[in-house]
């Protein structure tokens, strides 16, 4: 979803020193494996989690009919977060480079702007701050405050937003606004929930996903799907190049 070959402009990646695998093929591999998992779930909760993960891959593929199908059977209000407990390869990076472990990377100012515009957003956008030597206030993520903090893989709130997007894009029928407002109501700050929206469209949903999926690794997926690249110069690639260490150490690349 994130990497590509800068010499060819093709998105995709390598796995375990494999040859370069195009993005579309990787997505299809993921879908096949999740469907195998779906056939082997042990509980209803596991089934809902796998359905949500399938919906996420279909969302990346822009297949909104299948997003609607799987998200409709996905996680629902009250389901516990699906967490990656091997945080040393996920949230530990946030903690060690962009968190209390060491603040080398700060968040975009828009996240503090969201909270300034609506203080209740602090219930889901977890920010910490420090003052630089110049007196400037800097904000950084406060979601992963420990090196061992579990990384959030999927929630019922994300599933709601996928389902809402599928509806707005014509993949199925339903009340997209209610789905979004249920997500907003699930977050409180000082005892008060985030207030409901009066209307919802794709532009507003893009912002809701930006807030809800803060430091969850979904931003580039959304940029591709919505084609929003205002921070990049036109000549810049819209994916990350494979790391030089991977290229140099892979005999099949």
C-alpha atoms as a PDB file:
ATOM      1  CA  UNK A   1       0.000   0.000   0.000  1.00  0.00           C
ATOM      2  CA  UNK A   2       2.828   2.420   0.790  1.00  0.00           C
ATOM      3  CA  UNK A   3       5.951   1.374  -1.114  1.00  0.00           C
ATOM      4  CA  UNK A   4       6.945   1.309  -4.754  1.00  0.00           C
ATOM      5  CA  UNK A   5       9.756   1.074  -7.270  1.00  0.00           C
ATOM      6  CA  UNK A   6      10.921   4.635  -7.975  1.00  0.00           C
ATOM      7  CA  UNK A   7      12.660   3.647 -11.211  1.00  0.00           C
ATOM      8  CA  UNK A   8       9.464   2.282 -12.772  1.00  0.00           C
ATOM      9  CA  UNK A   9       6.855   4.278 -10.861  1.00  0.00           C
ATOM     10  CA  UNK A  10       5.069   1.035  -9.966  1.00  0.00           C
ATOM     11  CA  UNK A  11       3.588   0.625  -6.472  1.00  0.00           C
ATOM     12  CA  UNK A  12       4.292  -2.602  -4.634  1.00  0.00           C
ATOM     13  CA  UNK A  13       6.974  -4.215  -2.513  1.00  0.00           C
ATOM     14  CA  UNK A  14       9.127  -7.271  -1.853  1.00  0.00           C
ATOM     15  CA  UNK A  15       8.555  -9.909   0.825  1.00  0.00           C
ATOM     16  CA  UNK A  16      11.357 -11.966   2.365  1.00  0.00           C
ATOM     17  CA  UNK A  17      13.844 -11.221  -0.441  1.00  0.00           C
ATOM     18  CA  UNK A  18      11.304 -11.971  -3.170  1.00  0.00           C
ATOM     19  CA  UNK A  19      11.181 -10.313  -6.551  1.00  0.00           C
ATOM     20  CA  UNK A  20       9.165  -7.097  -6.707  1.00  0.00           C
ATOM     21  CA  UNK A  21       5.436  -7.822  -6.257  1.00  0.00           C
ATOM     22  CA  UNK A  22       2.983  -5.277  -7.765  1.00  0.00           C
ATOM     23  CA  UNK A  23       0.543  -3.653  -5.368  1.00  0.00           C
ATOM     24  CA  UNK A  24      -2.558  -5.164  -7.003  1.00  0.00           C
ATOM     25  CA  UNK A  25      -1.114  -8.665  -6.602  1.00  0.00           C
ATOM     26  CA  UNK A  26      -0.304  -8.016  -2.939  1.00  0.00           C
ATOM     27  CA  UNK A  27      -3.859  -6.830  -2.315  1.00  0.00           C
ATOM     28  CA  UNK A  28      -5.244  -9.995  -3.929  1.00  0.00           C
ATOM     29  CA  UNK A  29      -2.903 -12.157  -1.832  1.00  0.00           C
ATOM     30  CA  UNK A  30      -4.161 -10.376   1.294  1.00  0.00           C
ATOM     31  CA  UNK A  31      -7.774 -10.967   0.319  1.00  0.00           C
ATOM     32  CA  UNK A  32      -7.155 -14.668  -0.294  1.00  0.00           C
ATOM     33  CA  UNK A  33      -5.422 -15.079   3.066  1.00  0.00           C
ATOM     34  CA  UNK A  34      -8.119 -13.159   4.958  1.00  0.00           C
ATOM     35  CA  UNK A  35     -10.767 -15.366   3.333  1.00  0.00           C
ATOM     36  CA  UNK A  36      -8.887 -18.426   4.555  1.00  0.00           C
ATOM     37  CA  UNK A  37      -8.846 -16.827   8.011  1.00  0.00           C
ATOM     38  CA  UNK A  38     -12.568 -16.124   7.712  1.00  0.00           C
ATOM     39  CA  UNK A  39     -13.216 -19.823   7.152  1.00  0.00           C
ATOM     40  CA  UNK A  40     -11.273 -20.668  10.314  1.00  0.00           C
ATOM     41  CA  UNK A  41     -12.504 -18.169  12.887  1.00  0.00           C
ATOM     42  CA  UNK A  42     -13.436 -19.592  16.269  1.00  0.00           C
ATOM     43  CA  UNK A  43     -15.822 -16.920  17.553  1.00  0.00           C
ATOM     44  CA  UNK A  44     -18.344 -14.429  16.229  1.00  0.00           C
ATOM     45  CA  UNK A  45     -16.045 -11.605  17.353  1.00  0.00           C
ATOM     46  CA  UNK A  46     -13.156 -13.032  15.310  1.00  0.00           C
ATOM     47  CA  UNK A  47     -15.438 -13.310  12.288  1.00  0.00           C
ATOM     48  CA  UNK A  48     -16.366  -9.637  12.561  1.00  0.00           C
ATOM     49  CA  UNK A  49     -12.699  -8.623  12.869  1.00  0.00           C
ATOM     50  CA  UNK A  50     -11.699 -10.541   9.745  1.00  0.00           C
ATOM     51  CA  UNK A  51     -14.628  -9.092   7.821  1.00  0.00           C
ATOM     52  CA  UNK A  52     -13.453  -5.607   8.790  1.00  0.00           C
ATOM     53  CA  UNK A  53      -9.910  -6.381   7.663  1.00  0.00           C
ATOM     54  CA  UNK A  54     -11.239  -7.654   4.337  1.00  0.00           C
ATOM     55  CA  UNK A  55     -13.256  -4.471   3.948  1.00  0.00           C
ATOM     56  CA  UNK A  56     -10.070  -2.453   4.495  1.00  0.00           C
ATOM     57  CA  UNK A  57      -8.236  -4.233   1.668  1.00  0.00           C
ATOM     58  CA  UNK A  58     -11.208  -3.762  -0.641  1.00  0.00           C
ATOM     59  CA  UNK A  59     -11.254  -0.093   0.361  1.00  0.00           C
ATOM     60  CA  UNK A  60      -7.646   0.220  -0.792  1.00  0.00           C
ATOM     61  CA  UNK A  61      -8.704  -1.424  -4.082  1.00  0.00           C
ATOM     62  CA  UNK A  62     -11.613   1.061  -4.400  1.00  0.00           C
ATOM     63  CA  UNK A  63     -14.046  -1.857  -4.649  1.00  0.00           C
ATOM     64  CA  UNK A  64     -16.874  -0.224  -2.733  1.00  0.00           C
ATOM     65  CA  UNK A  65     -19.452  -2.951  -3.299  1.00  0.00           C
ATOM     66  CA  UNK A  66     -17.220  -5.444  -1.497  1.00  0.00           C
ATOM     67  CA  UNK A  67     -16.357  -2.821   1.130  1.00  0.00           C
ATOM     68  CA  UNK A  68     -20.080  -2.558   1.847  1.00  0.00           C
ATOM     69  CA  UNK A  69     -20.524  -6.352   1.868  1.00  0.00           C
ATOM     70  CA  UNK A  70     -17.724  -7.081   4.329  1.00  0.00           C
ATOM     71  CA  UNK A  71     -18.027  -3.970   6.493  1.00  0.00           C
ATOM     72  CA  UNK A  72     -21.737  -4.754   6.923  1.00  0.00           C
ATOM     73  CA  UNK A  73     -20.631  -8.002   8.571  1.00  0.00           C
ATOM     74  CA  UNK A  74     -17.699  -6.361  10.331  1.00  0.00           C
ATOM     75  CA  UNK A  75     -17.049  -4.989  13.792  1.00  0.00           C
ATOM     76  CA  UNK A  76     -19.898  -3.216  15.521  1.00  0.00           C
ATOM     77  CA  UNK A  77     -20.426  -0.873  18.442  1.00  0.00           C
ATOM     78  CA  UNK A  78     -19.147  -2.401  21.672  1.00  0.00           C
ATOM     79  CA  UNK A  79     -16.525  -4.624  20.050  1.00  0.00           C
ATOM     80  CA  UNK A  80     -13.103  -4.327  21.672  1.00  0.00           C
ATOM     81  CA  UNK A  81     -10.248  -2.899  19.642  1.00  0.00           C
ATOM     82  CA  UNK A  82      -8.248  -5.395  17.603  1.00  0.00           C
ATOM     83  CA  UNK A  83      -4.658  -4.828  18.731  1.00  0.00           C
ATOM     84  CA  UNK A  84      -1.218  -5.882  17.590  1.00  0.00           C
ATOM     85  CA  UNK A  85       0.594  -6.952  20.734  1.00  0.00           C
ATOM     86  CA  UNK A  86       3.975  -7.178  18.959  1.00  0.00           C
ATOM     87  CA  UNK A  87       4.387  -3.450  19.444  1.00  0.00           C
ATOM     88  CA  UNK A  88       8.162  -3.476  18.988  1.00  0.00           C
ATOM     89  CA  UNK A  89       7.596  -3.299  15.229  1.00  0.00           C
ATOM     90  CA  UNK A  90       4.699  -0.861  15.273  1.00  0.00           C
ATOM     91  CA  UNK A  91       3.893   1.545  18.088  1.00  0.00           C
ATOM     92  CA  UNK A  92       7.453   1.364  19.435  1.00  0.00           C
ATOM     93  CA  UNK A  93       8.557   3.364  16.409  1.00  0.00           C
ATOM     94  CA  UNK A  94       6.017   6.054  17.242  1.00  0.00           C
ATOM     95  CA  UNK A  95       7.187   6.026  20.862  1.00  0.00           C
ATOM     96  CA  UNK A  96      10.890   6.096  20.027  1.00  0.00           C
ATOM     97  CA  UNK A  97      10.918   8.591  17.171  1.00  0.00           C
ATOM     98  CA  UNK A  98       7.689  10.564  17.454  1.00  0.00           C
ATOM     99  CA  UNK A  99       6.693  10.257  21.103  1.00  0.00           C
ATOM    100  CA  UNK A 100       7.788  10.407  24.698  1.00  0.00           C
ATOM    101  CA  UNK A 101      10.758   8.135  24.021  1.00  0.00           C
ATOM    102  CA  UNK A 102      12.289  10.817  21.817  1.00  0.00           C
ATOM    103  CA  UNK A 103      10.522  13.637  20.028  1.00  0.00           C
ATOM    104  CA  UNK A 104      12.206  13.729  16.632  1.00  0.00           C
ATOM    105  CA  UNK A 105       8.987  13.917  14.629  1.00  0.00           C
ATOM    106  CA  UNK A 106       6.060  16.188  15.438  1.00  0.00           C
ATOM    107  CA  UNK A 107       2.519  16.042  14.086  1.00  0.00           C
ATOM    108  CA  UNK A 108       1.101  18.358  11.482  1.00  0.00           C
ATOM    109  CA  UNK A 109      -0.401  21.488  13.018  1.00  0.00           C
ATOM    110  CA  UNK A 110      -3.815  20.562  11.633  1.00  0.00           C
ATOM    111  CA  UNK A 111      -4.310  18.120  14.512  1.00  0.00           C
ATOM    112  CA  UNK A 112      -3.978  20.820  17.109  1.00  0.00           C
ATOM    113  CA  UNK A 113      -6.198  22.999  14.906  1.00  0.00           C
ATOM    114  CA  UNK A 114      -8.902  20.328  15.057  1.00  0.00           C
ATOM    115  CA  UNK A 115      -8.821  20.497  18.858  1.00  0.00           C
ATOM    116  CA  UNK A 116      -8.724  24.294  18.867  1.00  0.00           C
ATOM    117  CA  UNK A 117     -11.822  24.357  16.656  1.00  0.00           C
ATOM    118  CA  UNK A 118     -13.611  21.757  18.803  1.00  0.00           C
ATOM    119  CA  UNK A 119     -12.060  20.959  22.220  1.00  0.00           C
ATOM    120  CA  UNK A 120     -14.038  17.689  22.379  1.00  0.00           C
ATOM    121  CA  UNK A 121     -11.786  16.310  19.621  1.00  0.00           C
ATOM    122  CA  UNK A 122      -9.150  15.844  22.338  1.00  0.00           C
ATOM    123  CA  UNK A 123     -11.131  12.733  23.214  1.00  0.00           C
ATOM    124  CA  UNK A 124      -9.817  10.951  20.138  1.00  0.00           C
ATOM    125  CA  UNK A 125      -6.798  12.983  18.978  1.00  0.00           C
ATOM    126  CA  UNK A 126      -4.218  12.315  21.682  1.00  0.00           C
ATOM    127  CA  UNK A 127      -1.600  15.079  21.614  1.00  0.00           C
ATOM    128  CA  UNK A 128       1.293  15.960  23.888  1.00  0.00           C
ATOM    129  CA  UNK A 129       3.355  19.113  23.564  1.00  0.00           C
ATOM    130  CA  UNK A 130       6.648  20.732  24.443  1.00  0.00           C
ATOM    131  CA  UNK A 131       8.125  24.186  24.122  1.00  0.00           C
ATOM    132  CA  UNK A 132      11.216  24.631  21.968  1.00  0.00           C
ATOM    133  CA  UNK A 133      14.157  26.890  22.756  1.00  0.00           C
ATOM    134  CA  UNK A 134      12.609  29.600  20.585  1.00  0.00           C
ATOM    135  CA  UNK A 135       9.441  29.502  22.668  1.00  0.00           C
ATOM    136  CA  UNK A 136       7.463  27.759  19.927  1.00  0.00           C
ATOM    137  CA  UNK A 137       4.968  25.144  21.074  1.00  0.00           C
ATOM    138  CA  UNK A 138       5.319  21.776  19.303  1.00  0.00           C
ATOM    139  CA  UNK A 139       2.770  18.970  19.332  1.00  0.00           C
ATOM    140  CA  UNK A 140       3.485  15.242  19.078  1.00  0.00           C
ATOM    141  CA  UNK A 141       1.454  12.061  19.345  1.00  0.00           C
ATOM    142  CA  UNK A 142       0.325  10.860  22.759  1.00  0.00           C
ATOM    143  CA  UNK A 143      -1.458   7.712  21.650  1.00  0.00           C
ATOM    144  CA  UNK A 144       1.493   5.361  22.165  1.00  0.00           C
ATOM    145  CA  UNK A 145       2.985   6.546  25.435  1.00  0.00           C
ATOM    146  CA  UNK A 146       4.919   3.361  26.242  1.00  0.00           C
ATOM    147  CA  UNK A 147       7.425   1.415  24.205  1.00  0.00           C
ATOM    148  CA  UNK A 148       5.160  -1.604  24.696  1.00  0.00           C
ATOM    149  CA  UNK A 149       1.904   0.167  23.844  1.00  0.00           C
ATOM    150  CA  UNK A 150      -0.218  -2.100  21.607  1.00  0.00           C
ATOM    151  CA  UNK A 151      -0.789  -0.843  18.078  1.00  0.00           C
ATOM    152  CA  UNK A 152      -4.414  -0.408  17.039  1.00  0.00           C
ATOM    153  CA  UNK A 153      -5.160  -2.538  13.954  1.00  0.00           C
ATOM    154  CA  UNK A 154      -8.948  -2.205  13.648  1.00  0.00           C
ATOM    155  CA  UNK A 155     -11.901  -0.791  15.571  1.00  0.00           C
ATOM    156  CA  UNK A 156     -15.641  -0.736  15.134  1.00  0.00           C
ATOM    157  CA  UNK A 157     -15.313   3.011  14.596  1.00  0.00           C
ATOM    158  CA  UNK A 158     -13.051   2.483  11.568  1.00  0.00           C
ATOM    159  CA  UNK A 159     -15.486  -0.125  10.284  1.00  0.00           C
ATOM    160  CA  UNK A 160     -18.308   2.424  10.575  1.00  0.00           C
ATOM    161  CA  UNK A 161     -16.347   4.948   8.538  1.00  0.00           C
ATOM    162  CA  UNK A 162     -15.582   2.371   5.836  1.00  0.00           C
ATOM    163  CA  UNK A 163     -19.247   1.472   5.655  1.00  0.00           C
ATOM    164  CA  UNK A 164     -20.211   5.156   5.458  1.00  0.00           C
ATOM    165  CA  UNK A 165     -17.753   5.717   2.614  1.00  0.00           C
ATOM    166  CA  UNK A 166     -19.060   2.708   0.703  1.00  0.00           C
ATOM    167  CA  UNK A 167     -22.572   4.152   1.001  1.00  0.00           C
ATOM    168  CA  UNK A 168     -21.480   7.624  -0.119  1.00  0.00           C
ATOM    169  CA  UNK A 169     -19.674   6.117  -3.114  1.00  0.00           C
ATOM    170  CA  UNK A 170     -22.676   4.040  -4.194  1.00  0.00           C
ATOM    171  CA  UNK A 171     -21.486   0.645  -2.968  1.00  0.00           C
ATOM    172  CA  UNK A 172     -24.623   0.062  -0.914  1.00  0.00           C
ATOM    173  CA  UNK A 173     -27.531   1.745   0.845  1.00  0.00           C
ATOM    174  CA  UNK A 174     -27.710   3.034   4.398  1.00  0.00           C
ATOM    175  CA  UNK A 175     -27.449   6.050   6.692  1.00  0.00           C
ATOM    176  CA  UNK A 176     -23.873   7.288   6.287  1.00  0.00           C
ATOM    177  CA  UNK A 177     -24.476  10.289   8.537  1.00  0.00           C
ATOM    178  CA  UNK A 178     -25.676   8.134  11.435  1.00  0.00           C
ATOM    179  CA  UNK A 179     -22.662   5.842  11.070  1.00  0.00           C
ATOM    180  CA  UNK A 180     -20.316   8.838  11.299  1.00  0.00           C
ATOM    181  CA  UNK A 181     -22.171  10.416  14.189  1.00  0.00           C
ATOM    182  CA  UNK A 182     -22.116   7.139  16.135  1.00  0.00           C
ATOM    183  CA  UNK A 183     -18.320   7.256  15.834  1.00  0.00           C
ATOM    184  CA  UNK A 184     -18.193  10.848  17.031  1.00  0.00           C
ATOM    185  CA  UNK A 185     -20.473  10.093  19.978  1.00  0.00           C
ATOM    186  CA  UNK A 186     -18.193   7.259  21.111  1.00  0.00           C
ATOM    187  CA  UNK A 187     -15.436   9.726  22.078  1.00  0.00           C
ATOM    188  CA  UNK A 188     -15.739  11.989  25.093  1.00  0.00           C
ATOM    189  CA  UNK A 189     -13.630  14.690  26.666  1.00  0.00           C
ATOM    190  CA  UNK A 190     -14.389  16.036  30.138  1.00  0.00           C
ATOM    191  CA  UNK A 191     -17.506  13.901  30.126  1.00  0.00           C
ATOM    192  CA  UNK A 192     -18.948  15.301  26.892  1.00  0.00           C
ATOM    193  CA  UNK A 193     -19.107  13.538  23.499  1.00  0.00           C
ATOM    194  CA  UNK A 194     -18.070  15.074  20.212  1.00  0.00           C
ATOM    195  CA  UNK A 195     -21.142  16.804  18.806  1.00  0.00           C
ATOM    196  CA  UNK A 196     -22.943  15.255  15.797  1.00  0.00           C
ATOM    197  CA  UNK A 197     -22.593  16.540  12.250  1.00  0.00           C
ATOM    198  CA  UNK A 198     -25.630  17.866  10.407  1.00  0.00           C
ATOM    199  CA  UNK A 199     -24.520  16.557   7.010  1.00  0.00           C
ATOM    200  CA  UNK A 200     -21.876  14.252   5.576  1.00  0.00           C
ATOM    201  CA  UNK A 201     -20.176  14.056   2.200  1.00  0.00           C
ATOM    202  CA  UNK A 202     -16.882  12.592   0.992  1.00  0.00           C
ATOM    203  CA  UNK A 203     -14.875  15.712   1.840  1.00  0.00           C
ATOM    204  CA  UNK A 204     -16.199  15.696   5.405  1.00  0.00           C
ATOM    205  CA  UNK A 205     -15.616  11.952   5.662  1.00  0.00           C
ATOM    206  CA  UNK A 206     -11.989  12.433   4.613  1.00  0.00           C
ATOM    207  CA  UNK A 207     -11.545  14.768   7.589  1.00  0.00           C
ATOM    208  CA  UNK A 208     -13.355  12.381   9.935  1.00  0.00           C
ATOM    209  CA  UNK A 209     -10.989   9.595   8.921  1.00  0.00           C
ATOM    210  CA  UNK A 210      -8.027  11.925   9.461  1.00  0.00           C
ATOM    211  CA  UNK A 211      -9.162  12.499  13.045  1.00  0.00           C
ATOM    212  CA  UNK A 212     -10.349   8.984  13.871  1.00  0.00           C
ATOM    213  CA  UNK A 213      -7.318   7.186  12.413  1.00  0.00           C
ATOM    214  CA  UNK A 214      -4.721   9.512  13.917  1.00  0.00           C
ATOM    215  CA  UNK A 215      -1.298   7.737  13.944  1.00  0.00           C
ATOM    216  CA  UNK A 216      -2.884   4.520  12.690  1.00  0.00           C
ATOM    217  CA  UNK A 217      -1.004   4.294   9.383  1.00  0.00           C
ATOM    218  CA  UNK A 218      -3.965   4.919   7.065  1.00  0.00           C
ATOM    219  CA  UNK A 219      -3.244   8.422   5.818  1.00  0.00           C
ATOM    220  CA  UNK A 220      -1.496   7.409   2.576  1.00  0.00           C
ATOM    221  CA  UNK A 221      -4.271   4.924   1.793  1.00  0.00           C
ATOM    222  CA  UNK A 222      -6.747   7.791   2.003  1.00  0.00           C
ATOM    223  CA  UNK A 223      -4.569  10.122  -0.059  1.00  0.00           C
ATOM    224  CA  UNK A 224      -4.478   7.590  -2.874  1.00  0.00           C
ATOM    225  CA  UNK A 225      -8.208   6.951  -2.742  1.00  0.00           C
ATOM    226  CA  UNK A 226      -9.241  10.609  -2.539  1.00  0.00           C
ATOM    227  CA  UNK A 227      -6.320  11.795  -4.723  1.00  0.00           C
ATOM    228  CA  UNK A 228      -5.326  14.503  -2.229  1.00  0.00           C
ATOM    229  CA  UNK A 229      -1.618  15.363  -2.491  1.00  0.00           C
ATOM    230  CA  UNK A 230      -1.457  19.086  -1.739  1.00  0.00           C
ATOM    231  CA  UNK A 231       1.697  18.614   0.364  1.00  0.00           C
ATOM    232  CA  UNK A 232       3.696  17.122  -2.531  1.00  0.00           C
ATOM    233  CA  UNK A 233       5.343  18.792  -5.506  1.00  0.00           C
ATOM    234  CA  UNK A 234       3.891  17.466  -8.813  1.00  0.00           C
ATOM    235  CA  UNK A 235       7.065  15.568  -9.699  1.00  0.00           C
ATOM    236  CA  UNK A 236       7.228  13.665  -6.414  1.00  0.00           C
ATOM    237  CA  UNK A 237       6.260   9.986  -6.323  1.00  0.00           C
ATOM    238  CA  UNK A 238       3.070   9.168  -4.466  1.00  0.00           C
ATOM    239  CA  UNK A 239       4.596   6.232  -2.600  1.00  0.00           C
ATOM    240  CA  UNK A 240       7.641   5.509  -0.472  1.00  0.00           C
ATOM    241  CA  UNK A 241      10.713   4.086  -2.241  1.00  0.00           C
ATOM    242  CA  UNK A 242      11.854   0.690  -1.056  1.00  0.00           C
ATOM    243  CA  UNK A 243      14.628   1.196   1.523  1.00  0.00           C
ATOM    244  CA  UNK A 244      18.161   1.052   0.118  1.00  0.00           C
ATOM    245  CA  UNK A 245      19.044  -1.714   2.581  1.00  0.00           C
ATOM    246  CA  UNK A 246      16.207  -3.820   1.185  1.00  0.00           C
ATOM    247  CA  UNK A 247      17.279  -3.161  -2.401  1.00  0.00           C
ATOM    248  CA  UNK A 248      20.972  -3.860  -1.808  1.00  0.00           C
ATOM    249  CA  UNK A 249      20.338  -6.959   0.302  1.00  0.00           C
ATOM    250  CA  UNK A 250      17.773  -8.571  -1.980  1.00  0.00           C
ATOM    251  CA  UNK A 251      19.313 -10.676  -4.788  1.00  0.00           C
ATOM    252  CA  UNK A 252      15.924 -11.007  -6.500  1.00  0.00           C
ATOM    253  CA  UNK A 253      15.041  -7.335  -6.695  1.00  0.00           C
END
